[in-house]
Structures are given as C-alpha cells and as structure tokens.
Amino acid sequence: MNDPTAMVAEIWQQARQHPLLKQKSVICISTIDSDGFPDARFVDLKQVNSQGFTICSGYQSDKGRAIAACDKVALTAWWEPVGYQIRIQGRATKISDALAQQYWQSRNHSAQVISSRFQQSEPCVSIDTVKQQFLDAQALLHDKSIPRPKSWGGYCVEPKRIELLKFEDSRLHLRHNFTKLSDQWQCQILQP
C-alpha cells in the first residue's frame, strides 16, 4: 500500500464496471466560498493518475472562482456497490490548454452547447427562457464544431491526504489514512 492514488484508480475502475452504479464518474468537490463556508457539488471525475484527480469546469463558475481564491479543496466519493468511501484533500491547479482541449472534444454536442452558450452558476430569468436559448443554440450549432471557450478547462487536484474506508457489514470498517510528507506517502490505520 505505497501509492493511494493507484489504489483509488483501481477502486474507481471496479466501481465504473459495477452495473448498480448509475453515475459512473461522479465525485463531490468541496471548496470554500467567499463567505468562508464549505460549498460542495458533484462533478465528473475525468482521470486518476500519479499527478492527482482531474475534473473539468467553467473557470468563471462559482466553483472556478472559489478555486481561484483558495486552491485547497476536498473530493469525496461514495462507491457503495464496491463498498468504499474515498476522501481526498489537496490543492487544485489548472490543467494545460492541450489537455482541456482533449476533454472538450470528448464532450457530447449538447454539453459543448451548454458550456459555450451559458454562464454557469449565474441567475436566469426563467427555466423556459433557458430551455428556449438552448433549443435556439442547438439549432444554430447542430452541425458545427464548437470551439472550447477560454473560460472552460479543468483542474488537477494534487492530493495531500487520502482516506480509504472499506465498509464492513459488522460496521468494523477498515480505514487507511494516507498523508503525503516530503513526496512520500505515510499510512495510518484509523479506528472505525
């Protein structure tokens, strides 16, 4: 158990293959808002590797503004079908434009329309107005390549702490807490 990111990647792969898990890549990211309150929301986990955990977002969204103000974030996953809770603390940094472009191109057309035509997290007049704007944009762009907005990209969360909790029916859950010190992972077993 030397590399907890590799362990998370393996657990995530198991979870994604499980037929009972409907949202295969959902993870919760928590930031600190401008009033100092924790702010949590679900996003798609795009990649797990030795550098960290990659998600995508609009940089001008509430999430993007919160990360710009304070890059310390937490990620939480509950992959119940495989019996794991994952908790991660780390620092979020923007991914490269080239990598953001790869993720943009992997998005479906509707997701590209929404990300290019709407201001994530901003108030709207009504849901009917938003729906009509979406339909108009889809009609206008239905056969066109949509360029990635400069305000859309991603973040890699470099972990400083990772906790893996393996659920047990007895409630004697197995908890491994990994902390990164001087580029080395240290592991402690925690009581349930």
N, C-alpha and C. Protein backbone atom coordinates (compact mmCIF):
# COMPACT_ATOMS: atom_id res chain seq x y z
N MET A 1 0.83 -1.19 0.00
CA MET A 1 0.00 0.00 0.00
C MET A 1 0.87 1.25 0.00
N ASN A 2 1.62 1.46 -1.07
CA ASN A 2 2.51 2.60 -1.13
C ASN A 2 1.93 3.80 -1.86
N ASP A 3 1.04 3.57 -2.82
CA ASP A 3 0.50 4.65 -3.64
C ASP A 3 -1.02 4.66 -3.57
N PRO A 4 -1.59 5.52 -2.71
CA PRO A 4 -3.05 5.52 -2.59
C PRO A 4 -3.77 6.00 -3.84
N THR A 5 -3.11 6.83 -4.68
CA THR A 5 -3.78 7.24 -5.92
C THR A 5 -4.00 6.04 -6.83
N ALA A 6 -3.04 5.13 -6.86
CA ALA A 6 -3.21 3.91 -7.66
C ALA A 6 -4.32 3.04 -7.08
N MET A 7 -4.43 3.02 -5.75
CA MET A 7 -5.50 2.26 -5.11
C MET A 7 -6.86 2.86 -5.46
N VAL A 8 -6.96 4.20 -5.41
CA VAL A 8 -8.22 4.87 -5.76
C VAL A 8 -8.56 4.58 -7.22
N ALA A 9 -7.57 4.63 -8.11
CA ALA A 9 -7.81 4.34 -9.53
C ALA A 9 -8.37 2.94 -9.71
N GLU A 10 -7.83 1.98 -8.97
CA GLU A 10 -8.32 0.60 -9.07
C GLU A 10 -9.75 0.47 -8.53
N ILE A 11 -10.02 1.10 -7.40
CA ILE A 11 -11.38 1.06 -6.82
C ILE A 11 -12.36 1.75 -7.76
N TRP A 12 -11.96 2.89 -8.34
CA TRP A 12 -12.81 3.63 -9.28
C TRP A 12 -13.12 2.76 -10.50
N GLN A 13 -12.12 2.05 -10.99
CA GLN A 13 -12.34 1.16 -12.14
C GLN A 13 -13.36 0.07 -11.79
N GLN A 14 -13.23 -0.51 -10.60
CA GLN A 14 -14.20 -1.52 -10.15
C GLN A 14 -15.60 -0.91 -10.07
N ALA A 15 -15.69 0.29 -9.50
CA ALA A 15 -16.99 0.96 -9.35
C ALA A 15 -17.61 1.24 -10.72
N ARG A 16 -16.81 1.72 -11.67
CA ARG A 16 -17.32 2.04 -13.01
C ARG A 16 -17.83 0.81 -13.74
N GLN A 17 -17.30 -0.34 -13.42
CA GLN A 17 -17.73 -1.57 -14.08
C GLN A 17 -18.94 -2.20 -13.40
N HIS A 18 -19.30 -1.70 -12.22
CA HIS A 18 -20.40 -2.31 -11.47
C HIS A 18 -21.74 -1.88 -12.06
N PRO A 19 -22.63 -2.83 -12.35
CA PRO A 19 -23.90 -2.48 -13.00
C PRO A 19 -24.85 -1.66 -12.13
N LEU A 20 -24.70 -1.69 -10.82
CA LEU A 20 -25.61 -0.94 -9.95
C LEU A 20 -25.23 0.53 -9.80
N LEU A 21 -24.02 0.89 -10.18
CA LEU A 21 -23.60 2.29 -10.08
C LEU A 21 -24.00 3.02 -11.35
N LYS A 22 -24.99 3.90 -11.24
CA LYS A 22 -25.53 4.57 -12.43
C LYS A 22 -24.65 5.73 -12.89
N GLN A 23 -24.23 6.56 -11.96
CA GLN A 23 -23.36 7.69 -12.30
C GLN A 23 -21.92 7.24 -12.11
N LYS A 24 -21.30 6.78 -13.17
CA LYS A 24 -20.03 6.06 -13.09
C LYS A 24 -18.84 6.90 -12.65
N SER A 25 -18.88 8.20 -12.89
CA SER A 25 -17.70 9.02 -12.62
C SER A 25 -17.98 10.20 -11.70
N VAL A 26 -19.06 10.15 -10.96
CA VAL A 26 -19.43 11.27 -10.11
C VAL A 26 -18.60 11.28 -8.84
N ILE A 27 -18.12 12.48 -8.52
CA ILE A 27 -17.37 12.70 -7.29
C ILE A 27 -17.78 14.07 -6.76
N CYS A 28 -17.75 14.24 -5.45
CA CYS A 28 -18.13 15.51 -4.85
C CYS A 28 -16.87 16.34 -4.62
N ILE A 29 -16.89 17.60 -5.07
CA ILE A 29 -15.80 18.51 -4.77
C ILE A 29 -16.32 19.59 -3.83
N SER A 30 -15.55 19.86 -2.80
CA SER A 30 -15.89 20.90 -1.83
C SER A 30 -14.84 21.99 -1.90
N THR A 31 -15.33 23.23 -1.98
CA THR A 31 -14.47 24.41 -1.98
C THR A 31 -14.92 25.29 -0.82
N ILE A 32 -14.27 26.43 -0.67
CA ILE A 32 -14.67 27.42 0.33
C ILE A 32 -15.19 28.64 -0.42
N ASP A 33 -16.43 29.07 -0.09
CA ASP A 33 -17.00 30.20 -0.82
C ASP A 33 -16.48 31.53 -0.27
N SER A 34 -16.92 32.63 -0.87
CA SER A 34 -16.41 33.95 -0.50
C SER A 34 -16.80 34.37 0.92
N ASP A 35 -17.78 33.69 1.51
CA ASP A 35 -18.16 33.96 2.90
C ASP A 35 -17.49 33.01 3.88
N GLY A 36 -16.61 32.14 3.37
CA GLY A 36 -15.89 31.21 4.24
C GLY A 36 -16.62 29.92 4.54
N PHE A 37 -17.73 29.68 3.84
CA PHE A 37 -18.49 28.45 4.06
C PHE A 37 -18.05 27.36 3.09
N PRO A 38 -18.06 26.09 3.54
CA PRO A 38 -17.83 25.00 2.60
C PRO A 38 -18.95 24.97 1.56
N ASP A 39 -18.60 24.64 0.34
CA ASP A 39 -19.57 24.58 -0.76
C ASP A 39 -19.27 23.31 -1.55
N ALA A 40 -20.21 22.37 -1.54
CA ALA A 40 -20.00 21.06 -2.17
C ALA A 40 -20.94 20.89 -3.34
N ARG A 41 -20.42 20.22 -4.39
CA ARG A 41 -21.24 19.88 -5.55
C ARG A 41 -20.61 18.69 -6.24
N PHE A 42 -21.41 18.01 -7.07
CA PHE A 42 -20.93 16.82 -7.76
C PHE A 42 -20.44 17.19 -9.16
N VAL A 43 -19.34 16.55 -9.54
CA VAL A 43 -18.73 16.76 -10.86
C VAL A 43 -18.30 15.40 -11.40
N ASP A 44 -17.93 15.38 -12.67
CA ASP A 44 -17.40 14.15 -13.27
C ASP A 44 -15.90 14.05 -13.02
N LEU A 45 -15.49 12.94 -12.49
CA LEU A 45 -14.06 12.65 -12.36
C LEU A 45 -13.59 12.18 -13.73
N LYS A 46 -12.60 12.86 -14.28
CA LYS A 46 -12.14 12.55 -15.64
C LYS A 46 -10.97 11.58 -15.65
N GLN A 47 -10.07 11.72 -14.68
CA GLN A 47 -8.86 10.91 -14.70
C GLN A 47 -8.27 10.82 -13.30
N VAL A 48 -7.65 9.68 -13.02
CA VAL A 48 -6.86 9.49 -11.81
C VAL A 48 -5.50 8.98 -12.26
N ASN A 49 -4.45 9.69 -11.87
CA ASN A 49 -3.10 9.22 -12.17
C ASN A 49 -2.16 9.67 -11.06
N SER A 50 -0.88 9.48 -11.24
CA SER A 50 0.08 9.79 -10.18
C SER A 50 0.13 11.28 -9.86
N GLN A 51 -0.30 12.15 -10.81
CA GLN A 51 -0.34 13.58 -10.53
C GLN A 51 -1.54 13.97 -9.67
N GLY A 52 -2.64 13.22 -9.79
CA GLY A 52 -3.81 13.55 -9.00
C GLY A 52 -5.11 13.18 -9.67
N PHE A 53 -6.13 13.98 -9.39
CA PHE A 53 -7.51 13.71 -9.78
C PHE A 53 -8.00 14.87 -10.64
N THR A 54 -8.42 14.58 -11.86
CA THR A 54 -8.77 15.62 -12.81
C THR A 54 -10.28 15.74 -12.96
N ILE A 55 -10.75 17.00 -12.90
CA ILE A 55 -12.15 17.34 -13.16
C ILE A 55 -12.16 18.50 -14.15
N CYS A 56 -13.32 18.77 -14.76
CA CYS A 56 -13.45 19.91 -15.67
C CYS A 56 -14.54 20.85 -15.17
N SER A 57 -14.42 22.12 -15.57
CA SER A 57 -15.37 23.13 -15.09
C SER A 57 -15.18 24.42 -15.87
N GLY A 58 -16.16 25.29 -15.72
CA GLY A 58 -16.00 26.66 -16.18
C GLY A 58 -15.19 27.43 -15.14
N TYR A 59 -14.19 28.17 -15.59
CA TYR A 59 -13.35 28.91 -14.65
C TYR A 59 -14.08 30.08 -14.01
N GLN A 60 -15.16 30.56 -14.64
CA GLN A 60 -15.92 31.68 -14.10
C GLN A 60 -17.13 31.23 -13.28
N SER A 61 -17.30 29.93 -13.11
CA SER A 61 -18.40 29.41 -12.28
C SER A 61 -18.09 29.69 -10.81
N ASP A 62 -19.07 29.46 -9.94
CA ASP A 62 -18.82 29.59 -8.50
C ASP A 62 -17.63 28.73 -8.09
N LYS A 63 -17.60 27.52 -8.61
CA LYS A 63 -16.51 26.58 -8.30
C LYS A 63 -15.17 27.14 -8.75
N GLY A 64 -15.12 27.63 -9.99
CA GLY A 64 -13.88 28.18 -10.53
C GLY A 64 -13.40 29.39 -9.76
N ARG A 65 -14.33 30.27 -9.40
CA ARG A 65 -13.95 31.46 -8.62
C ARG A 65 -13.47 31.06 -7.22
N ALA A 66 -14.12 30.05 -6.63
CA ALA A 66 -13.70 29.60 -5.30
C ALA A 66 -12.30 29.01 -5.35
N ILE A 67 -12.01 28.22 -6.38
CA ILE A 67 -10.67 27.62 -6.51
C ILE A 67 -9.63 28.70 -6.77
N ALA A 68 -9.97 29.73 -7.55
CA ALA A 68 -9.03 30.82 -7.80
C ALA A 68 -8.70 31.55 -6.50
N ALA A 69 -9.67 31.67 -5.60
CA ALA A 69 -9.46 32.36 -4.33
C ALA A 69 -8.75 31.48 -3.30
N CYS A 70 -9.02 30.18 -3.32
CA CYS A 70 -8.42 29.24 -2.37
C CYS A 70 -8.32 27.89 -3.05
N ASP A 71 -7.10 27.48 -3.35
CA ASP A 71 -6.92 26.25 -4.13
C ASP A 71 -7.01 24.98 -3.30
N LYS A 72 -7.25 25.10 -2.00
CA LYS A 72 -7.41 23.92 -1.15
C LYS A 72 -8.83 23.39 -1.30
N VAL A 73 -8.95 22.13 -1.73
CA VAL A 73 -10.26 21.53 -1.98
C VAL A 73 -10.31 20.14 -1.36
N ALA A 74 -11.52 19.61 -1.29
CA ALA A 74 -11.72 18.22 -0.86
C ALA A 74 -12.57 17.52 -1.91
N LEU A 75 -12.25 16.26 -2.14
CA LEU A 75 -13.04 15.39 -3.01
C LEU A 75 -13.57 14.25 -2.17
N THR A 76 -14.80 13.85 -2.43
CA THR A 76 -15.40 12.73 -1.71
C THR A 76 -16.14 11.85 -2.70
N ALA A 77 -15.94 10.55 -2.59
CA ALA A 77 -16.68 9.59 -3.41
C ALA A 77 -17.27 8.54 -2.49
N TRP A 78 -18.48 8.12 -2.80
CA TRP A 78 -19.11 7.01 -2.10
C TRP A 78 -19.51 6.01 -3.17
N TRP A 79 -18.69 5.01 -3.35
CA TRP A 79 -18.93 3.99 -4.35
C TRP A 79 -19.50 2.77 -3.64
N GLU A 80 -20.76 2.89 -3.27
CA GLU A 80 -21.46 1.90 -2.44
C GLU A 80 -21.44 0.50 -3.05
N PRO A 81 -21.64 0.33 -4.36
CA PRO A 81 -21.65 -1.04 -4.89
C PRO A 81 -20.36 -1.83 -4.67
N VAL A 82 -19.23 -1.12 -4.54
CA VAL A 82 -17.98 -1.82 -4.26
C VAL A 82 -17.53 -1.62 -2.82
N GLY A 83 -18.35 -0.91 -2.03
CA GLY A 83 -18.13 -0.82 -0.59
C GLY A 83 -17.05 0.15 -0.14
N TYR A 84 -16.85 1.25 -0.88
CA TYR A 84 -15.80 2.19 -0.49
C TYR A 84 -16.30 3.62 -0.40
N GLN A 85 -15.77 4.32 0.60
CA GLN A 85 -15.83 5.77 0.67
C GLN A 85 -14.40 6.27 0.51
N ILE A 86 -14.23 7.29 -0.33
CA ILE A 86 -12.91 7.87 -0.58
C ILE A 86 -12.97 9.34 -0.19
N ARG A 87 -12.01 9.78 0.61
CA ARG A 87 -11.91 11.20 0.98
C ARG A 87 -10.52 11.69 0.62
N ILE A 88 -10.48 12.84 -0.07
CA ILE A 88 -9.22 13.39 -0.57
C ILE A 88 -9.15 14.87 -0.22
N GLN A 89 -8.00 15.31 0.25
CA GLN A 89 -7.72 16.73 0.41
C GLN A 89 -6.50 17.06 -0.42
N GLY A 90 -6.54 18.22 -1.09
CA GLY A 90 -5.39 18.60 -1.89
C GLY A 90 -5.54 20.00 -2.45
N ARG A 91 -4.63 20.32 -3.35
CA ARG A 91 -4.64 21.62 -4.00
C ARG A 91 -4.99 21.45 -5.47
N ALA A 92 -5.87 22.33 -5.95
CA ALA A 92 -6.33 22.28 -7.34
C ALA A 92 -5.54 23.28 -8.18
N THR A 93 -5.01 22.80 -9.29
CA THR A 93 -4.34 23.68 -10.25
C THR A 93 -4.95 23.44 -11.63
N LYS A 94 -4.95 24.49 -12.45
CA LYS A 94 -5.50 24.37 -13.80
C LYS A 94 -4.68 23.38 -14.62
N ILE A 95 -5.38 22.61 -15.43
CA ILE A 95 -4.70 21.71 -16.37
C ILE A 95 -4.26 22.51 -17.59
N SER A 96 -3.44 21.92 -18.43
CA SER A 96 -2.96 22.60 -19.63
C SER A 96 -4.10 22.83 -20.62
N ASP A 97 -3.92 23.82 -21.49
CA ASP A 97 -4.91 24.06 -22.55
C ASP A 97 -5.05 22.84 -23.45
N ALA A 98 -3.93 22.16 -23.72
CA ALA A 98 -3.97 20.98 -24.59
C ALA A 98 -4.83 19.88 -23.98
N LEU A 99 -4.66 19.65 -22.68
CA LEU A 99 -5.47 18.62 -22.01
C LEU A 99 -6.93 19.05 -21.93
N ALA A 100 -7.16 20.34 -21.64
CA ALA A 100 -8.54 20.85 -21.61
C ALA A 100 -9.20 20.65 -22.97
N GLN A 101 -8.45 20.87 -24.03
CA GLN A 101 -8.99 20.69 -25.38
C GLN A 101 -9.37 19.23 -25.63
N GLN A 102 -8.55 18.30 -25.15
CA GLN A 102 -8.88 16.88 -25.29
C GLN A 102 -10.19 16.55 -24.58
N TYR A 103 -10.34 17.06 -23.36
CA TYR A 103 -11.59 16.80 -22.63
C TYR A 103 -12.77 17.46 -23.32
N TRP A 104 -12.57 18.68 -23.84
CA TRP A 104 -13.64 19.37 -24.56
C TRP A 104 -14.11 18.55 -25.75
N GLN A 105 -13.18 18.02 -26.50
CA GLN A 105 -13.53 17.25 -27.69
C GLN A 105 -14.23 15.93 -27.33
N SER A 106 -14.02 15.44 -26.11
CA SER A 106 -14.68 14.20 -25.70
C SER A 106 -16.11 14.43 -25.22
N ARG A 107 -16.49 15.69 -25.01
CA ARG A 107 -17.84 16.01 -24.53
C ARG A 107 -18.85 15.86 -25.67
N ASN A 108 -20.07 15.50 -25.30
CA ASN A 108 -21.10 15.41 -26.33
C ASN A 108 -21.51 16.82 -26.77
N HIS A 109 -22.18 16.89 -27.90
CA HIS A 109 -22.52 18.17 -28.52
C HIS A 109 -23.37 19.04 -27.59
N SER A 110 -24.35 18.45 -26.91
CA SER A 110 -25.21 19.22 -26.01
C SER A 110 -24.41 19.85 -24.88
N ALA A 111 -23.47 19.09 -24.32
CA ALA A 111 -22.64 19.62 -23.24
C ALA A 111 -21.78 20.78 -23.75
N GLN A 112 -21.28 20.66 -24.98
CA GLN A 112 -20.50 21.76 -25.55
C GLN A 112 -21.36 22.99 -25.78
N VAL A 113 -22.59 22.79 -26.27
CA VAL A 113 -23.50 23.92 -26.48
C VAL A 113 -23.74 24.63 -25.15
N ILE A 114 -24.05 23.87 -24.12
CA ILE A 114 -24.35 24.48 -22.81
C ILE A 114 -23.14 25.23 -22.28
N SER A 115 -21.97 24.61 -22.32
CA SER A 115 -20.77 25.25 -21.77
C SER A 115 -20.34 26.48 -22.57
N SER A 116 -20.66 26.51 -23.86
CA SER A 116 -20.24 27.65 -24.69
C SER A 116 -21.27 28.78 -24.70
N ARG A 117 -22.53 28.49 -24.38
CA ARG A 117 -23.59 29.49 -24.51
C ARG A 117 -24.18 29.99 -23.19
N PHE A 118 -23.86 29.33 -22.10
CA PHE A 118 -24.43 29.71 -20.81
C PHE A 118 -23.32 30.07 -19.83
N GLN A 119 -23.66 30.92 -18.87
CA GLN A 119 -22.73 31.33 -17.82
C GLN A 119 -23.05 30.52 -16.56
N GLN A 120 -22.30 29.43 -16.36
CA GLN A 120 -22.58 28.52 -15.25
C GLN A 120 -22.68 29.28 -13.93
N SER A 121 -23.70 28.95 -13.16
CA SER A 121 -23.95 29.48 -11.82
C SER A 121 -24.59 30.86 -11.79
N GLU A 122 -24.76 31.50 -12.95
CA GLU A 122 -25.37 32.83 -12.97
C GLU A 122 -26.89 32.72 -12.96
N PRO A 123 -27.58 33.69 -12.35
CA PRO A 123 -29.05 33.65 -12.32
C PRO A 123 -29.65 33.74 -13.73
N CYS A 124 -30.86 33.21 -13.87
CA CYS A 124 -31.57 33.29 -15.15
C CYS A 124 -32.98 33.82 -14.91
N VAL A 125 -33.60 34.30 -15.98
CA VAL A 125 -34.94 34.87 -15.88
C VAL A 125 -35.96 33.78 -15.56
N SER A 126 -35.90 32.68 -16.32
CA SER A 126 -36.82 31.57 -16.08
C SER A 126 -36.27 30.32 -16.74
N ILE A 127 -36.74 29.18 -16.32
CA ILE A 127 -36.31 27.92 -16.93
C ILE A 127 -36.79 27.85 -18.38
N ASP A 128 -37.95 28.42 -18.66
CA ASP A 128 -38.45 28.42 -20.04
C ASP A 128 -37.52 29.22 -20.96
N THR A 129 -37.00 30.34 -20.47
CA THR A 129 -36.06 31.14 -21.25
C THR A 129 -34.79 30.35 -21.52
N VAL A 130 -34.28 29.68 -20.50
CA VAL A 130 -33.06 28.88 -20.65
C VAL A 130 -33.30 27.75 -21.65
N LYS A 131 -34.43 27.08 -21.54
CA LYS A 131 -34.74 25.99 -22.49
C LYS A 131 -34.80 26.51 -23.92
N GLN A 132 -35.43 27.67 -24.11
CA GLN A 132 -35.53 28.22 -25.46
C GLN A 132 -34.16 28.63 -25.99
N GLN A 133 -33.34 29.24 -25.13
CA GLN A 133 -31.98 29.60 -25.55
C GLN A 133 -31.19 28.36 -25.95
N PHE A 134 -31.37 27.28 -25.20
CA PHE A 134 -30.68 26.03 -25.52
C PHE A 134 -31.15 25.48 -26.87
N LEU A 135 -32.47 25.45 -27.08
CA LEU A 135 -33.00 24.96 -28.36
C LEU A 135 -32.53 25.80 -29.53
N ASP A 136 -32.51 27.13 -29.34
CA ASP A 136 -32.02 28.03 -30.40
C ASP A 136 -30.55 27.77 -30.69
N ALA A 137 -29.75 27.61 -29.64
CA ALA A 137 -28.32 27.35 -29.82
C ALA A 137 -28.08 26.00 -30.49
N GLN A 138 -28.86 24.99 -30.10
CA GLN A 138 -28.71 23.68 -30.73
C GLN A 138 -29.05 23.75 -32.22
N ALA A 139 -30.10 24.47 -32.56
CA ALA A 139 -30.49 24.60 -33.96
C ALA A 139 -29.40 25.33 -34.76
N LEU A 140 -28.84 26.36 -34.16
CA LEU A 140 -27.81 27.14 -34.82
C LEU A 140 -26.50 26.36 -35.00
N LEU A 141 -26.19 25.52 -34.01
CA LEU A 141 -24.88 24.85 -33.98
C LEU A 141 -24.95 23.35 -34.25
N HIS A 142 -26.09 22.84 -34.67
CA HIS A 142 -26.29 21.38 -34.73
C HIS A 142 -25.26 20.65 -35.59
N ASP A 143 -24.75 21.26 -36.62
CA ASP A 143 -23.80 20.56 -37.49
C ASP A 143 -22.42 21.23 -37.48
N LYS A 144 -22.17 22.04 -36.47
CA LYS A 144 -20.93 22.79 -36.42
C LYS A 144 -20.03 22.32 -35.28
N SER A 145 -18.76 22.46 -35.50
CA SER A 145 -17.78 22.23 -34.45
C SER A 145 -17.82 23.43 -33.50
N ILE A 146 -17.85 23.17 -32.23
CA ILE A 146 -17.95 24.24 -31.24
C ILE A 146 -16.59 24.43 -30.58
N PRO A 147 -15.99 25.62 -30.74
CA PRO A 147 -14.69 25.83 -30.11
C PRO A 147 -14.81 25.89 -28.58
N ARG A 148 -13.77 25.44 -27.93
CA ARG A 148 -13.74 25.47 -26.46
C ARG A 148 -13.58 26.92 -26.00
N PRO A 149 -14.50 27.37 -25.14
CA PRO A 149 -14.34 28.73 -24.59
C PRO A 149 -13.08 28.80 -23.73
N LYS A 150 -12.42 29.94 -23.75
CA LYS A 150 -11.22 30.11 -22.93
C LYS A 150 -11.56 30.01 -21.44
N SER A 151 -12.82 30.23 -21.10
CA SER A 151 -13.24 30.16 -19.70
C SER A 151 -13.58 28.74 -19.25
N TRP A 152 -13.37 27.75 -20.12
CA TRP A 152 -13.67 26.36 -19.78
C TRP A 152 -12.38 25.55 -19.81
N GLY A 153 -12.19 24.76 -18.77
CA GLY A 153 -10.99 23.93 -18.70
C GLY A 153 -11.12 22.90 -17.61
N GLY A 154 -10.06 22.70 -16.90
CA GLY A 154 -10.10 21.69 -15.85
C GLY A 154 -9.08 21.95 -14.78
N TYR A 155 -9.16 21.11 -13.76
CA TYR A 155 -8.26 21.19 -12.62
C TYR A 155 -7.73 19.80 -12.31
N CYS A 156 -6.50 19.77 -11.86
CA CYS A 156 -5.95 18.54 -11.30
C CYS A 156 -5.78 18.78 -9.81
N VAL A 157 -6.39 17.93 -9.01
CA VAL A 157 -6.26 18.04 -7.56
C VAL A 157 -5.10 17.14 -7.14
N GLU A 158 -4.01 17.78 -6.71
CA GLU A 158 -2.85 17.04 -6.22
C GLU A 158 -3.11 16.70 -4.76
N PRO A 159 -3.23 15.42 -4.45
CA PRO A 159 -3.63 15.04 -3.09
C PRO A 159 -2.50 15.21 -2.08
N LYS A 160 -2.90 15.65 -0.89
CA LYS A 160 -2.01 15.72 0.27
C LYS A 160 -2.45 14.69 1.31
N ARG A 161 -3.73 14.34 1.24
CA ARG A 161 -4.28 13.36 2.18
C ARG A 161 -5.35 12.56 1.45
N ILE A 162 -5.34 11.24 1.65
CA ILE A 162 -6.35 10.35 1.07
C ILE A 162 -6.76 9.35 2.14
N GLU A 163 -8.07 9.24 2.35
CA GLU A 163 -8.57 8.21 3.26
C GLU A 163 -9.44 7.23 2.47
N LEU A 164 -9.13 5.96 2.63
CA LEU A 164 -9.92 4.89 2.03
C LEU A 164 -10.66 4.18 3.15
N LEU A 165 -11.99 4.15 3.06
CA LEU A 165 -12.80 3.46 4.05
C LEU A 165 -13.51 2.32 3.35
N LYS A 166 -13.21 1.11 3.77
CA LYS A 166 -13.86 -0.10 3.22
C LYS A 166 -14.97 -0.48 4.18
N PHE A 167 -16.20 -0.45 3.68
CA PHE A 167 -17.36 -0.78 4.51
C PHE A 167 -17.39 -2.26 4.85
N GLU A 168 -17.76 -2.55 6.09
CA GLU A 168 -17.94 -3.92 6.56
C GLU A 168 -19.34 -4.03 7.17
N ASP A 169 -20.02 -5.13 6.93
CA ASP A 169 -21.36 -5.33 7.49
C ASP A 169 -21.36 -5.23 9.01
N SER A 170 -20.27 -5.62 9.64
CA SER A 170 -20.16 -5.57 11.10
C SER A 170 -20.01 -4.14 11.61
N ARG A 171 -19.82 -3.18 10.70
CA ARG A 171 -19.52 -1.78 10.99
C ARG A 171 -18.10 -1.59 11.52
N LEU A 172 -17.31 -2.66 11.50
CA LEU A 172 -15.90 -2.57 11.83
C LEU A 172 -15.16 -2.19 10.54
N HIS A 173 -15.45 -0.97 10.06
CA HIS A 173 -14.94 -0.50 8.78
C HIS A 173 -13.41 -0.41 8.81
N LEU A 174 -12.79 -0.73 7.70
CA LEU A 174 -11.34 -0.65 7.57
C LEU A 174 -10.98 0.72 6.99
N ARG A 175 -10.19 1.49 7.75
CA ARG A 175 -9.85 2.84 7.34
C ARG A 175 -8.33 3.00 7.24
N HIS A 176 -7.89 3.39 6.05
CA HIS A 176 -6.48 3.69 5.82
C HIS A 176 -6.37 5.17 5.51
N ASN A 177 -5.58 5.89 6.30
CA ASN A 177 -5.38 7.32 6.12
C ASN A 177 -3.96 7.56 5.62
N PHE A 178 -3.84 8.08 4.39
CA PHE A 178 -2.54 8.34 3.78
C PHE A 178 -2.28 9.84 3.80
N THR A 179 -1.10 10.22 4.25
CA THR A 179 -0.68 11.62 4.26
C THR A 179 0.64 11.72 3.51
N LYS A 180 0.73 12.73 2.64
CA LYS A 180 1.96 12.90 1.85
C LYS A 180 2.90 13.85 2.58
N LEU A 181 4.08 13.33 2.91
CA LEU A 181 5.11 14.12 3.58
C LEU A 181 6.39 13.99 2.78
N SER A 182 6.94 15.13 2.34
CA SER A 182 8.18 15.15 1.55
C SER A 182 8.10 14.18 0.37
N ASP A 183 7.01 14.24 -0.36
CA ASP A 183 6.78 13.40 -1.55
C ASP A 183 6.71 11.91 -1.27
N GLN A 184 6.52 11.54 -0.02
CA GLN A 184 6.35 10.14 0.36
C GLN A 184 5.01 9.98 1.07
N TRP A 185 4.32 8.90 0.75
CA TRP A 185 3.05 8.63 1.41
C TRP A 185 3.29 7.86 2.72
N GLN A 186 2.67 8.35 3.78
CA GLN A 186 2.69 7.68 5.08
C GLN A 186 1.27 7.16 5.32
N CYS A 187 1.15 5.97 5.87
CA CYS A 187 -0.18 5.37 6.09
C CYS A 187 -0.40 5.09 7.56
N GLN A 188 -1.59 5.47 8.02
CA GLN A 188 -2.04 5.11 9.37
C GLN A 188 -3.35 4.36 9.23
N ILE A 189 -3.54 3.37 10.08
CA ILE A 189 -4.83 2.70 10.18
C ILE A 189 -5.64 3.47 11.21
N LEU A 190 -6.87 3.82 10.86
CA LEU A 190 -7.74 4.56 11.77
C LEU A 190 -8.79 3.63 12.36
N GLN A 191 -9.20 3.94 13.57
CA GLN A 191 -10.28 3.17 14.19
C GLN A 191 -11.58 3.45 13.43
N PRO A 192 -12.50 2.47 13.43
CA PRO A 192 -13.74 2.66 12.66
C PRO A 192 -14.60 3.80 13.22
